[in-house]
Amino acid sequence: MFSGKCSTAAKQIIESIGSELVALYDDSKNVFTEFYGKYVLNSLIVESLIPLAVLNYINIALQELKKENNILLNAEFNKIGVK
């Protein structure tokens, strides 16, 4: 576990704080995992915003065109007949 050049005093110091170092490492790993997960989720949301905004704009324009020209799509016409 220790290199051959490590003194007995250094070994004792390392062993005395070893469990604390392991706990700090585990804590940092957990924090990293939590923040990385949030980063990935936020990245996916940001990547989706522009396409969703474009689709919303297209939908609004389509609704306006249909209203101006008194047009119903087949699926919309079929829904009226079901009621």
PDB file of N, CA and C in Angstrom:
ATOM      1  N   MET A   1       0.818  -1.187   0.000  1.00  0.00           N
ATOM      2  CA  MET A   1       0.000   0.000   0.000  1.00  0.00           C
ATOM      3  C   MET A   1       0.868   1.260   0.000  1.00  0.00           C
ATOM      4  N   PHE A   2       1.958   1.256   0.707  1.00  0.00           N
ATOM      5  CA  PHE A   2       2.858   2.403   0.758  1.00  0.00           C
ATOM      6  C   PHE A   2       4.104   2.098  -0.054  1.00  0.00           C
ATOM      7  N   SER A   3       4.734   3.170  -0.561  1.00  0.00           N
ATOM      8  CA  SER A   3       5.987   2.960  -1.293  1.00  0.00           C
ATOM      9  C   SER A   3       7.099   2.650  -0.302  1.00  0.00           C
ATOM     10  N   GLY A   4       8.143   2.090  -0.804  1.00  0.00           N
ATOM     11  CA  GLY A   4       9.268   1.704   0.036  1.00  0.00           C
ATOM     12  C   GLY A   4       9.944   2.900   0.685  1.00  0.00           C
ATOM     13  N   LYS A   5       9.834   4.076   0.096  1.00  0.00           N
ATOM     14  CA  LYS A   5      10.491   5.269   0.612  1.00  0.00           C
ATOM     15  C   LYS A   5       9.670   5.951   1.706  1.00  0.00           C
ATOM     16  N   CYS A   6       8.462   5.490   1.946  1.00  0.00           N
ATOM     17  CA  CYS A   6       7.572   6.121   2.922  1.00  0.00           C
ATOM     18  C   CYS A   6       8.044   5.788   4.343  1.00  0.00           C
ATOM     19  N   SER A   7       8.220   6.831   5.150  1.00  0.00           N
ATOM     20  CA  SER A   7       8.694   6.620   6.531  1.00  0.00           C
ATOM     21  C   SER A   7       7.559   6.089   7.401  1.00  0.00           C
ATOM     22  N   THR A   8       7.932   5.528   8.530  1.00  0.00           N
ATOM     23  CA  THR A   8       6.947   4.989   9.466  1.00  0.00           C
ATOM     24  C   THR A   8       6.025   6.090   9.965  1.00  0.00           C
ATOM     25  N   ALA A   9       6.573   7.274  10.230  1.00  0.00           N
ATOM     26  CA  ALA A   9       5.758   8.403  10.709  1.00  0.00           C
ATOM     27  C   ALA A   9       4.739   8.805   9.646  1.00  0.00           C
ATOM     28  N   ALA A  10       5.179   8.852   8.394  1.00  0.00           N
ATOM     29  CA  ALA A  10       4.271   9.218   7.302  1.00  0.00           C
ATOM     30  C   ALA A  10       3.180   8.171   7.145  1.00  0.00           C
ATOM     31  N   LYS A  11       3.549   6.904   7.281  1.00  0.00           N
ATOM     32  CA  LYS A  11       2.559   5.825   7.198  1.00  0.00           C
ATOM     33  C   LYS A  11       1.500   5.974   8.284  1.00  0.00           C
ATOM     34  N   GLN A  12       1.930   6.295   9.490  1.00  0.00           N
ATOM     35  CA  GLN A  12       0.997   6.453  10.603  1.00  0.00           C
ATOM     36  C   GLN A  12       0.050   7.637  10.376  1.00  0.00           C
ATOM     37  N   ILE A  13       0.590   8.721   9.862  1.00  0.00           N
ATOM     38  CA  ILE A  13      -0.241   9.897   9.577  1.00  0.00           C
ATOM     39  C   ILE A  13      -1.287   9.556   8.507  1.00  0.00           C
ATOM     40  N   ILE A  14      -0.833   8.906   7.457  1.00  0.00           N
ATOM     41  CA  ILE A  14      -1.745   8.532   6.371  1.00  0.00           C
ATOM     42  C   ILE A  14      -2.817   7.580   6.880  1.00  0.00           C
ATOM     43  N   GLU A  15      -2.432   6.608   7.677  1.00  0.00           N
ATOM     44  CA  GLU A  15      -3.394   5.650   8.213  1.00  0.00           C
ATOM     45  C   GLU A  15      -4.378   6.319   9.169  1.00  0.00           C
ATOM     46  N   SER A  16      -3.911   7.335   9.909  1.00  0.00           N
ATOM     47  CA  SER A  16      -4.795   8.007  10.867  1.00  0.00           C
ATOM     48  C   SER A  16      -5.868   8.843  10.170  1.00  0.00           C
ATOM     49  N   ILE A  17      -5.565   9.355   8.977  1.00  0.00           N
ATOM     50  CA  ILE A  17      -6.556  10.165   8.255  1.00  0.00           C
ATOM     51  C   ILE A  17      -7.157   9.418   7.064  1.00  0.00           C
ATOM     52  N   GLY A  18      -6.788   8.172   6.911  1.00  0.00           N
ATOM     53  CA  GLY A  18      -7.251   7.397   5.757  1.00  0.00           C
ATOM     54  C   GLY A  18      -8.764   7.305   5.655  1.00  0.00           C
ATOM     55  N   SER A  19      -9.426   6.990   6.758  1.00  0.00           N
ATOM     56  CA  SER A  19     -10.888   6.851   6.699  1.00  0.00           C
ATOM     57  C   SER A  19     -11.552   8.191   6.403  1.00  0.00           C
ATOM     58  N   GLU A  20     -10.970   9.267   6.927  1.00  0.00           N
ATOM     59  CA  GLU A  20     -11.506  10.606   6.644  1.00  0.00           C
ATOM     60  C   GLU A  20     -11.340  10.958   5.170  1.00  0.00           C
ATOM     61  N   LEU A  21     -10.188  10.604   4.601  1.00  0.00           N
ATOM     62  CA  LEU A  21      -9.953  10.850   3.173  1.00  0.00           C
ATOM     63  C   LEU A  21     -10.934  10.066   2.307  1.00  0.00           C
ATOM     64  N   VAL A  22     -11.168   8.816   2.679  1.00  0.00           N
ATOM     65  CA  VAL A  22     -12.121   7.991   1.927  1.00  0.00           C
ATOM     66  C   VAL A  22     -13.520   8.594   2.012  1.00  0.00           C
ATOM     67  N   ALA A  23     -13.924   9.064   3.205  1.00  0.00           N
ATOM     68  CA  ALA A  23     -15.242   9.684   3.373  1.00  0.00           C
ATOM     69  C   ALA A  23     -15.362  10.954   2.532  1.00  0.00           C
ATOM     70  N   LEU A  24     -14.314  11.772   2.528  1.00  0.00           N
ATOM     71  CA  LEU A  24     -14.324  12.985   1.703  1.00  0.00           C
ATOM     72  C   LEU A  24     -14.403  12.651   0.219  1.00  0.00           C
ATOM     73  N   TYR A  25     -13.681  11.628  -0.190  1.00  0.00           N
ATOM     74  CA  TYR A  25     -13.735  11.184  -1.590  1.00  0.00           C
ATOM     75  C   TYR A  25     -15.148  10.741  -1.952  1.00  0.00           C
ATOM     76  N   ASP A  26     -15.773   9.928  -1.092  1.00  0.00           N
ATOM     77  CA  ASP A  26     -17.132   9.457  -1.355  1.00  0.00           C
ATOM     78  C   ASP A  26     -18.117  10.624  -1.429  1.00  0.00           C
ATOM     79  N   ASP A  27     -17.983  11.588  -0.514  1.00  0.00           N
ATOM     80  CA  ASP A  27     -18.853  12.766  -0.537  1.00  0.00           C
ATOM     81  C   ASP A  27     -18.693  13.549  -1.836  1.00  0.00           C
ATOM     82  N   SER A  28     -17.448  13.750  -2.244  1.00  0.00           N
ATOM     83  CA  SER A  28     -17.211  14.506  -3.478  1.00  0.00           C
ATOM     84  C   SER A  28     -17.747  13.757  -4.690  1.00  0.00           C
ATOM     85  N   LYS A  29     -17.643  12.441  -4.670  1.00  0.00           N
ATOM     86  CA  LYS A  29     -18.165  11.638  -5.775  1.00  0.00           C
ATOM     87  C   LYS A  29     -19.687  11.757  -5.843  1.00  0.00           C
ATOM     88  N   ASN A  30     -20.351  11.727  -4.688  1.00  0.00           N
ATOM     89  CA  ASN A  30     -21.805  11.863  -4.648  1.00  0.00           C
ATOM     90  C   ASN A  30     -22.253  13.239  -5.127  1.00  0.00           C
ATOM     91  N   VAL A  31     -21.540  14.277  -4.699  1.00  0.00           N
ATOM     92  CA  VAL A  31     -21.873  15.641  -5.121  1.00  0.00           C
ATOM     93  C   VAL A  31     -21.677  15.768  -6.629  1.00  0.00           C
ATOM     94  N   PHE A  32     -20.574  15.241  -7.134  1.00  0.00           N
ATOM     95  CA  PHE A  32     -20.317  15.292  -8.575  1.00  0.00           C
ATOM     96  C   PHE A  32     -21.424  14.593  -9.346  1.00  0.00           C
ATOM     97  N   THR A  33     -21.821  13.409  -8.896  1.00  0.00           N
ATOM     98  CA  THR A  33     -22.866  12.649  -9.576  1.00  0.00           C
ATOM     99  C   THR A  33     -24.173  13.433  -9.590  1.00  0.00           C
ATOM    100  N   GLU A  34     -24.517  14.049  -8.472  1.00  0.00           N
ATOM    101  CA  GLU A  34     -25.758  14.831  -8.383  1.00  0.00           C
ATOM    102  C   GLU A  34     -25.720  16.017  -9.353  1.00  0.00           C
ATOM    103  N   PHE A  35     -24.624  16.778  -9.329  1.00  0.00           N
ATOM    104  CA  PHE A  35     -24.525  17.947 -10.196  1.00  0.00           C
ATOM    105  C   PHE A  35     -24.404  17.553 -11.666  1.00  0.00           C
ATOM    106  N   TYR A  36     -23.722  16.465 -11.951  1.00  0.00           N
ATOM    107  CA  TYR A  36     -23.606  16.021 -13.340  1.00  0.00           C
ATOM    108  C   TYR A  36     -24.971  15.616 -13.874  1.00  0.00           C
ATOM    109  N   GLY A  37     -25.769  14.940 -13.047  1.00  0.00           N
ATOM    110  CA  GLY A  37     -27.124  14.562 -13.460  1.00  0.00           C
ATOM    111  C   GLY A  37     -27.964  15.784 -13.769  1.00  0.00           C
ATOM    112  N   LYS A  38     -27.861  16.807 -12.933  1.00  0.00           N
ATOM    113  CA  LYS A  38     -28.598  18.054 -13.175  1.00  0.00           C
ATOM    114  C   LYS A  38     -28.089  18.742 -14.436  1.00  0.00           C
ATOM    115  N   TYR A  39     -26.780  18.703 -14.646  1.00  0.00           N
ATOM    116  CA  TYR A  39     -26.193  19.313 -15.846  1.00  0.00           C
ATOM    117  C   TYR A  39     -26.718  18.636 -17.106  1.00  0.00           C
ATOM    118  N   VAL A  40     -26.759  17.316 -17.100  1.00  0.00           N
ATOM    119  CA  VAL A  40     -27.252  16.577 -18.266  1.00  0.00           C
ATOM    120  C   VAL A  40     -28.717  16.911 -18.519  1.00  0.00           C
ATOM    121  N   LEU A  41     -29.538  16.917 -17.467  1.00  0.00           N
ATOM    122  CA  LEU A  41     -30.951  17.244 -17.613  1.00  0.00           C
ATOM    123  C   LEU A  41     -31.132  18.653 -18.159  1.00  0.00           C
ATOM    124  N   ASN A  42     -30.402  19.618 -17.605  1.00  0.00           N
ATOM    125  CA  ASN A  42     -30.498  20.996 -18.095  1.00  0.00           C
ATOM    126  C   ASN A  42     -30.049  21.110 -19.545  1.00  0.00           C
ATOM    127  N   SER A  43     -29.022  20.379 -19.918  1.00  0.00           N
ATOM    128  CA  SER A  43     -28.552  20.403 -21.315  1.00  0.00           C
ATOM    129  C   SER A  43     -29.625  19.881 -22.255  1.00  0.00           C
ATOM    130  N   LEU A  44     -30.293  18.793 -21.858  1.00  0.00           N
ATOM    131  CA  LEU A  44     -31.365  18.244 -22.687  1.00  0.00           C
ATOM    132  C   LEU A  44     -32.530  19.218 -22.817  1.00  0.00           C
ATOM    133  N   ILE A  45     -32.852  19.893 -21.728  1.00  0.00           N
ATOM    134  CA  ILE A  45     -33.939  20.878 -21.767  1.00  0.00           C
ATOM    135  C   ILE A  45     -33.583  22.026 -22.702  1.00  0.00           C
ATOM    136  N   VAL A  46     -32.369  22.546 -22.577  1.00  0.00           N
ATOM    137  CA  VAL A  46     -31.948  23.666 -23.427  1.00  0.00           C
ATOM    138  C   VAL A  46     -31.936  23.259 -24.896  1.00  0.00           C
ATOM    139  N   GLU A  47     -31.473  22.047 -25.195  1.00  0.00           N
ATOM    140  CA  GLU A  47     -31.454  21.570 -26.578  1.00  0.00           C
ATOM    141  C   GLU A  47     -32.864  21.446 -27.141  1.00  0.00           C
ATOM    142  N   SER A  48     -33.843  21.181 -26.290  1.00  0.00           N
ATOM    143  CA  SER A  48     -35.216  20.978 -26.742  1.00  0.00           C
ATOM    144  C   SER A  48     -35.995  22.283 -26.865  1.00  0.00           C
ATOM    145  N   LEU A  49     -35.534  23.344 -26.234  1.00  0.00           N
ATOM    146  CA  LEU A  49     -36.290  24.595 -26.221  1.00  0.00           C
ATOM    147  C   LEU A  49     -36.485  25.193 -27.603  1.00  0.00           C
ATOM    148  N   ILE A  50     -35.435  25.289 -28.375  1.00  0.00           N
ATOM    149  CA  ILE A  50     -35.533  25.919 -29.691  1.00  0.00           C
ATOM    150  C   ILE A  50     -36.450  25.118 -30.615  1.00  0.00           C
ATOM    151  N   PRO A  51     -36.286  23.791 -30.744  1.00  0.00           N
ATOM    152  CA  PRO A  51     -37.225  23.050 -31.594  1.00  0.00           C
ATOM    153  C   PRO A  51     -38.672  23.178 -31.116  1.00  0.00           C
ATOM    154  N   LEU A  52     -38.895  23.171 -29.810  1.00  0.00           N
ATOM    155  CA  LEU A  52     -40.252  23.311 -29.294  1.00  0.00           C
ATOM    156  C   LEU A  52     -40.811  24.694 -29.599  1.00  0.00           C
ATOM    157  N   ALA A  53     -39.989  25.713 -29.490  1.00  0.00           N
ATOM    158  CA  ALA A  53     -40.436  27.072 -29.805  1.00  0.00           C
ATOM    159  C   ALA A  53     -40.795  27.187 -31.282  1.00  0.00           C
ATOM    160  N   VAL A  54     -39.998  26.574 -32.145  1.00  0.00           N
ATOM    161  CA  VAL A  54     -40.286  26.599 -33.585  1.00  0.00           C
ATOM    162  C   VAL A  54     -41.595  25.865 -33.883  1.00  0.00           C
ATOM    163  N   LEU A  55     -41.774  24.688 -33.262  1.00  0.00           N
ATOM    164  CA  LEU A  55     -43.025  23.946 -33.465  1.00  0.00           C
ATOM    165  C   LEU A  55     -44.228  24.739 -32.972  1.00  0.00           C
ATOM    166  N   ASN A  56     -44.084  25.411 -31.853  1.00  0.00           N
ATOM    167  CA  ASN A  56     -45.175  26.234 -31.325  1.00  0.00           C
ATOM    168  C   ASN A  56     -45.499  27.369 -32.289  1.00  0.00           C
ATOM    169  N   TYR A  57     -44.475  28.019 -32.818  1.00  0.00           N
ATOM    170  CA  TYR A  57     -44.684  29.103 -33.780  1.00  0.00           C
ATOM    171  C   TYR A  57     -45.398  28.588 -35.029  1.00  0.00           C
ATOM    172  N   ILE A  58     -44.973  27.429 -35.525  1.00  0.00           N
ATOM    173  CA  ILE A  58     -45.621  26.830 -36.707  1.00  0.00           C
ATOM    174  C   ILE A  58     -47.082  26.510 -36.402  1.00  0.00           C
ATOM    175  N   ASN A  59     -47.350  25.970 -35.229  1.00  0.00           N
ATOM    176  CA  ASN A  59     -48.721  25.624 -34.852  1.00  0.00           C
ATOM    177  C   ASN A  59     -49.604  26.870 -34.787  1.00  0.00           C
ATOM    178  N   ILE A  60     -49.075  27.943 -34.202  1.00  0.00           N
ATOM    179  CA  ILE A  60     -49.843  29.193 -34.127  1.00  0.00           C
ATOM    180  C   ILE A  60     -50.137  29.715 -35.528  1.00  0.00           C
ATOM    181  N   ALA A  61     -49.130  29.695 -36.399  1.00  0.00           N
ATOM    182  CA  ALA A  61     -49.327  30.161 -37.775  1.00  0.00           C
ATOM    183  C   ALA A  61     -50.348  29.288 -38.496  1.00  0.00           C
ATOM    184  N   LEU A  62     -50.303  27.978 -38.290  1.00  0.00           N
ATOM    185  CA  LEU A  62     -51.256  27.060 -38.917  1.00  0.00           C
ATOM    186  C   LEU A  62     -52.678  27.343 -38.441  1.00  0.00           C
ATOM    187  N   GLN A  63     -52.835  27.546 -37.134  1.00  0.00           N
ATOM    188  CA  GLN A  63     -54.167  27.845 -36.591  1.00  0.00           C
ATOM    189  C   GLN A  63     -54.719  29.144 -37.180  1.00  0.00           C
ATOM    190  N   GLU A  64     -53.867  30.161 -37.317  1.00  0.00           N
ATOM    191  CA  GLU A  64     -54.295  31.431 -37.909  1.00  0.00           C
ATOM    192  C   GLU A  64     -54.712  31.252 -39.361  1.00  0.00           C
ATOM    193  N   LEU A  65     -53.929  30.494 -40.134  1.00  0.00           N
ATOM    194  CA  LEU A  65     -54.272  30.248 -41.542  1.00  0.00           C
ATOM    195  C   LEU A  65     -55.596  29.504 -41.670  1.00  0.00           C
ATOM    196  N   LYS A  66     -55.788  28.500 -40.828  1.00  0.00           N
ATOM    197  CA  LYS A  66     -57.037  27.732 -40.876  1.00  0.00           C
ATOM    198  C   LYS A  66     -58.223  28.622 -40.529  1.00  0.00           C
ATOM    199  N   LYS A  67     -58.061  29.478 -39.544  1.00  0.00           N
ATOM    200  CA  LYS A  67     -59.152  30.366 -39.130  1.00  0.00           C
ATOM    201  C   LYS A  67     -59.472  31.376 -40.229  1.00  0.00           C
ATOM    202  N   GLU A  68     -58.427  31.982 -40.827  1.00  0.00           N
ATOM    203  CA  GLU A  68     -58.612  32.987 -41.883  1.00  0.00           C
ATOM    204  C   GLU A  68     -59.285  32.390 -43.114  1.00  0.00           C
ATOM    205  N   ASN A  69     -58.958  31.122 -43.426  1.00  0.00           N
ATOM    206  CA  ASN A  69     -59.479  30.487 -44.640  1.00  0.00           C
ATOM    207  C   ASN A  69     -60.627  29.519 -44.367  1.00  0.00           C
ATOM    208  N   ASN A  70     -61.104  29.511 -43.109  1.00  0.00           N
ATOM    209  CA  ASN A  70     -62.213  28.645 -42.725  1.00  0.00           C
ATOM    210  C   ASN A  70     -61.945  27.193 -43.140  1.00  0.00           C
ATOM    211  N   ILE A  71     -60.818  26.667 -42.682  1.00  0.00           N
ATOM    212  CA  ILE A  71     -60.378  25.318 -43.051  1.00  0.00           C
ATOM    213  C   ILE A  71     -60.397  24.428 -41.812  1.00  0.00           C
ATOM    214  N   LEU A  72     -60.833  23.194 -41.999  1.00  0.00           N
ATOM    215  CA  LEU A  72     -60.721  22.157 -40.970  1.00  0.00           C
ATOM    216  C   LEU A  72     -59.951  20.988 -41.558  1.00  0.00           C
ATOM    217  N   LEU A  73     -59.040  20.443 -40.812  1.00  0.00           N
ATOM    218  CA  LEU A  73     -58.338  19.244 -41.246  1.00  0.00           C
ATOM    219  C   LEU A  73     -59.255  18.046 -41.055  1.00  0.00           C
ATOM    220  N   ASN A  74     -58.976  16.967 -41.776  1.00  0.00           N
ATOM    221  CA  ASN A  74     -59.827  15.775 -41.678  1.00  0.00           C
ATOM    222  C   ASN A  74     -59.989  15.298 -40.242  1.00  0.00           C
ATOM    223  N   ALA A  75     -58.917  15.254 -39.507  1.00  0.00           N
ATOM    224  CA  ALA A  75     -58.979  14.775 -38.116  1.00  0.00           C
ATOM    225  C   ALA A  75     -59.870  15.676 -37.271  1.00  0.00           C
ATOM    226  N   GLU A  76     -59.823  16.982 -37.522  1.00  0.00           N
ATOM    227  CA  GLU A  76     -60.671  17.915 -36.780  1.00  0.00           C
ATOM    228  C   GLU A  76     -62.138  17.764 -37.192  1.00  0.00           C
ATOM    229  N   PHE A  77     -62.376  17.543 -38.461  1.00  0.00           N
ATOM    230  CA  PHE A  77     -63.735  17.366 -38.964  1.00  0.00           C
ATOM    231  C   PHE A  77     -64.353  16.096 -38.360  1.00  0.00           C
ATOM    232  N   ASN A  78     -63.569  15.031 -38.295  1.00  0.00           N
ATOM    233  CA  ASN A  78     -64.042  13.776 -37.716  1.00  0.00           C
ATOM    234  C   ASN A  78     -64.384  13.938 -36.238  1.00  0.00           C
ATOM    235  N   LYS A  79     -63.664  14.757 -35.522  1.00  0.00           N
ATOM    236  CA  LYS A  79     -63.948  14.992 -34.095  1.00  0.00           C
ATOM    237  C   LYS A  79     -65.288  15.703 -33.916  1.00  0.00           C
ATOM    238  N   ILE A  80     -65.629  16.592 -34.822  1.00  0.00           N
ATOM    239  CA  ILE A  80     -66.904  17.291 -34.739  1.00  0.00           C
ATOM    240  C   ILE A  80     -68.059  16.301 -34.922  1.00  0.00           C
ATOM    241  N   GLY A  81     -67.895  15.347 -35.841  1.00  0.00           N
ATOM    242  CA  GLY A  81     -68.937  14.352 -36.109  1.00  0.00           C
ATOM    243  C   GLY A  81     -69.167  13.400 -34.950  1.00  0.00           C
ATOM    244  N   VAL A  82     -68.146  13.178 -34.109  1.00  0.00           N
ATOM    245  CA  VAL A  82     -68.236  12.233 -33.007  1.00  0.00           C
ATOM    246  C   VAL A  82     -69.114  12.795 -31.888  1.00  0.00           C
ATOM    247  N   LYS A  83     -69.103  14.093 -31.703  1.00  0.00           N
ATOM    248  CA  LYS A  83     -69.856  14.709 -30.602  1.00  0.00           C
ATOM    249  C   LYS A  83     -71.277  14.515 -30.815  1.00  0.00           C
TER     250      LYS A  83
END
